[in-house]
């Protein structure tokens, strides 16, 4: 059974690994680390299956518009799922939970 929860400090190395394996490169893993380091992550969730981290998703702060009329928002990504777990609904679960949490209370 897959469990979705907030990332913890001890998850960070596994999150990096999931992003590297999912994308086959380091750029997305580096992006997540930069966003975390600069306190831009609004939501960072992991998917666990029997104690194994199998997926990660993040929403980060973004500013749209112009300097005169900026508009704050949230951007999705990256979202990563281990290759052997892709196309099995893990990404969909992560996206639904992340969207709900990023929207906050109404």
C-alpha atoms as a PDB file:
ATOM      1  CA  UNK A   1       0.000   0.000   0.000  1.00  0.00           C
ATOM      2  CA  UNK A   2       1.316   3.430  -0.923  1.00  0.00           C
ATOM      3  CA  UNK A   3       1.533   6.115   1.738  1.00  0.00           C
ATOM      4  CA  UNK A   4       1.888   9.811   0.865  1.00  0.00           C
ATOM      5  CA  UNK A   5       3.527  12.082   3.429  1.00  0.00           C
ATOM      6  CA  UNK A   6       5.599  15.247   3.835  1.00  0.00           C
ATOM      7  CA  UNK A   7       9.310  14.871   3.241  1.00  0.00           C
ATOM      8  CA  UNK A   8      11.594  14.565   6.261  1.00  0.00           C
ATOM      9  CA  UNK A   9      15.244  15.497   6.577  1.00  0.00           C
ATOM     10  CA  UNK A  10      16.267  11.844   6.432  1.00  0.00           C
ATOM     11  CA  UNK A  11      14.417  11.452   3.080  1.00  0.00           C
ATOM     12  CA  UNK A  12      16.607  13.953   1.225  1.00  0.00           C
ATOM     13  CA  UNK A  13      19.227  11.474  -0.118  1.00  0.00           C
ATOM     14  CA  UNK A  14      16.473   9.082  -1.303  1.00  0.00           C
ATOM     15  CA  UNK A  15      14.550  11.986  -2.914  1.00  0.00           C
ATOM     16  CA  UNK A  16      17.677  12.880  -4.867  1.00  0.00           C
ATOM     17  CA  UNK A  17      18.078   9.260  -5.954  1.00  0.00           C
ATOM     18  CA  UNK A  18      14.433   8.983  -7.088  1.00  0.00           C
ATOM     19  CA  UNK A  19      14.755  12.161  -9.172  1.00  0.00           C
ATOM     20  CA  UNK A  20      18.015  11.010 -10.761  1.00  0.00           C
ATOM     21  CA  UNK A  21      16.630   7.574 -11.630  1.00  0.00           C
ATOM     22  CA  UNK A  22      13.278   8.878 -12.860  1.00  0.00           C
ATOM     23  CA  UNK A  23      14.830  11.438 -15.209  1.00  0.00           C
ATOM     24  CA  UNK A  24      18.109   9.684 -16.022  1.00  0.00           C
ATOM     25  CA  UNK A  25      20.096  12.826 -15.178  1.00  0.00           C
ATOM     26  CA  UNK A  26      20.926  15.085 -12.205  1.00  0.00           C
ATOM     27  CA  UNK A  27      19.289  18.360 -13.284  1.00  0.00           C
ATOM     28  CA  UNK A  28      15.904  17.757 -11.629  1.00  0.00           C
ATOM     29  CA  UNK A  29      17.536  16.497  -8.427  1.00  0.00           C
ATOM     30  CA  UNK A  30      19.733  19.618  -8.384  1.00  0.00           C
ATOM     31  CA  UNK A  31      16.640  21.801  -8.910  1.00  0.00           C
ATOM     32  CA  UNK A  32      14.844  20.257  -5.920  1.00  0.00           C
ATOM     33  CA  UNK A  33      17.908  20.851  -3.747  1.00  0.00           C
ATOM     34  CA  UNK A  34      18.174  24.490  -4.853  1.00  0.00           C
ATOM     35  CA  UNK A  35      14.479  25.101  -4.193  1.00  0.00           C
ATOM     36  CA  UNK A  36      14.801  23.514  -0.743  1.00  0.00           C
ATOM     37  CA  UNK A  37      17.969  25.472   0.075  1.00  0.00           C
ATOM     38  CA  UNK A  38      16.312  28.776  -0.910  1.00  0.00           C
ATOM     39  CA  UNK A  39      13.119  27.982   1.044  1.00  0.00           C
ATOM     40  CA  UNK A  40      10.993  27.980  -2.115  1.00  0.00           C
ATOM     41  CA  UNK A  41       9.287  24.622  -1.568  1.00  0.00           C
ATOM     42  CA  UNK A  42       5.657  25.075  -0.549  1.00  0.00           C
ATOM     43  CA  UNK A  43       4.926  21.358  -0.500  1.00  0.00           C
ATOM     44  CA  UNK A  44       7.316  18.437  -0.852  1.00  0.00           C
ATOM     45  CA  UNK A  45       5.725  15.008  -0.612  1.00  0.00           C
ATOM     46  CA  UNK A  46       7.022  11.499  -0.935  1.00  0.00           C
ATOM     47  CA  UNK A  47       5.319   8.238  -1.819  1.00  0.00           C
ATOM     48  CA  UNK A  48       6.377   5.243   0.215  1.00  0.00           C
ATOM     49  CA  UNK A  49       5.595   1.601  -0.382  1.00  0.00           C
ATOM     50  CA  UNK A  50       6.510  -0.738   2.478  1.00  0.00           C
ATOM     51  CA  UNK A  51       9.139   1.715   3.729  1.00  0.00           C
ATOM     52  CA  UNK A  52      10.688   2.281   0.278  1.00  0.00           C
ATOM     53  CA  UNK A  53      10.579   5.769  -1.190  1.00  0.00           C
ATOM     54  CA  UNK A  54       9.135   5.296  -4.681  1.00  0.00           C
ATOM     55  CA  UNK A  55       8.113   8.832  -5.668  1.00  0.00           C
ATOM     56  CA  UNK A  56       8.473  12.540  -4.948  1.00  0.00           C
ATOM     57  CA  UNK A  57       6.609  15.697  -5.914  1.00  0.00           C
ATOM     58  CA  UNK A  58       7.125  19.361  -5.132  1.00  0.00           C
ATOM     59  CA  UNK A  59       5.226  22.606  -5.474  1.00  0.00           C
ATOM     60  CA  UNK A  60       7.380  25.727  -5.278  1.00  0.00           C
ATOM     61  CA  UNK A  61       6.768  29.447  -5.035  1.00  0.00           C
ATOM     62  CA  UNK A  62       6.696  31.300  -8.345  1.00  0.00           C
ATOM     63  CA  UNK A  63       6.059  34.903  -9.280  1.00  0.00           C
ATOM     64  CA  UNK A  64       4.272  35.635 -12.539  1.00  0.00           C
ATOM     65  CA  UNK A  65       3.503  38.877 -14.283  1.00  0.00           C
ATOM     66  CA  UNK A  66       5.677  41.951 -14.393  1.00  0.00           C
ATOM     67  CA  UNK A  67       7.692  43.840 -11.795  1.00  0.00           C
ATOM     68  CA  UNK A  68       4.891  46.407 -11.614  1.00  0.00           C
ATOM     69  CA  UNK A  69       2.111  43.811 -11.285  1.00  0.00           C
ATOM     70  CA  UNK A  70       3.579  40.628  -9.803  1.00  0.00           C
ATOM     71  CA  UNK A  71       1.330  37.720  -8.949  1.00  0.00           C
ATOM     72  CA  UNK A  72       2.464  34.984  -6.590  1.00  0.00           C
ATOM     73  CA  UNK A  73       1.588  31.399  -7.291  1.00  0.00           C
ATOM     74  CA  UNK A  74       2.763  27.824  -7.081  1.00  0.00           C
ATOM     75  CA  UNK A  75       4.502  25.757  -9.712  1.00  0.00           C
ATOM     76  CA  UNK A  76       4.378  21.993  -9.947  1.00  0.00           C
ATOM     77  CA  UNK A  77       7.554  20.089 -10.385  1.00  0.00           C
ATOM     78  CA  UNK A  78       9.437  18.176 -10.598  1.00  0.00           C
ATOM     79  CA  UNK A  79       7.455  15.017 -10.031  1.00  0.00           C
ATOM     80  CA  UNK A  80       9.451  11.803 -10.057  1.00  0.00           C
ATOM     81  CA  UNK A  81       8.561   8.126  -9.735  1.00  0.00           C
ATOM     82  CA  UNK A  82      11.069   5.268  -9.774  1.00  0.00           C
ATOM     83  CA  UNK A  83      11.154   3.713 -13.247  1.00  0.00           C
ATOM     84  CA  UNK A  84       9.931   0.314 -12.005  1.00  0.00           C
ATOM     85  CA  UNK A  85       6.882   2.007 -10.401  1.00  0.00           C
ATOM     86  CA  UNK A  86       5.887   4.327 -13.248  1.00  0.00           C
ATOM     87  CA  UNK A  87       2.468   4.020 -14.929  1.00  0.00           C
ATOM     88  CA  UNK A  88       0.963   2.468 -11.785  1.00  0.00           C
ATOM     89  CA  UNK A  89      -0.799   5.508 -10.308  1.00  0.00           C
ATOM     90  CA  UNK A  90       1.950   6.702  -7.951  1.00  0.00           C
ATOM     91  CA  UNK A  91       2.342  10.021  -9.783  1.00  0.00           C
ATOM     92  CA  UNK A  92      -1.411  10.589  -9.811  1.00  0.00           C
ATOM     93  CA  UNK A  93      -1.622  10.000  -6.046  1.00  0.00           C
ATOM     94  CA  UNK A  94       1.247  12.417  -5.455  1.00  0.00           C
ATOM     95  CA  UNK A  95      -0.251  15.078  -7.729  1.00  0.00           C
ATOM     96  CA  UNK A  96      -3.674  14.947  -6.076  1.00  0.00           C
ATOM     97  CA  UNK A  97      -2.228  15.183  -2.562  1.00  0.00           C
ATOM     98  CA  UNK A  98       0.229  17.936  -3.501  1.00  0.00           C
ATOM     99  CA  UNK A  99      -2.444  20.019  -5.202  1.00  0.00           C
ATOM    100  CA  UNK A 100      -4.757  19.696  -2.201  1.00  0.00           C
ATOM    101  CA  UNK A 101      -2.024  20.735   0.242  1.00  0.00           C
ATOM    102  CA  UNK A 102      -0.697  23.587  -1.913  1.00  0.00           C
ATOM    103  CA  UNK A 103      -4.191  25.049  -2.228  1.00  0.00           C
ATOM    104  CA  UNK A 104      -4.430  25.327   1.554  1.00  0.00           C
ATOM    105  CA  UNK A 105      -7.609  25.955   3.480  1.00  0.00           C
ATOM    106  CA  UNK A 106     -10.482  27.555   1.609  1.00  0.00           C
END
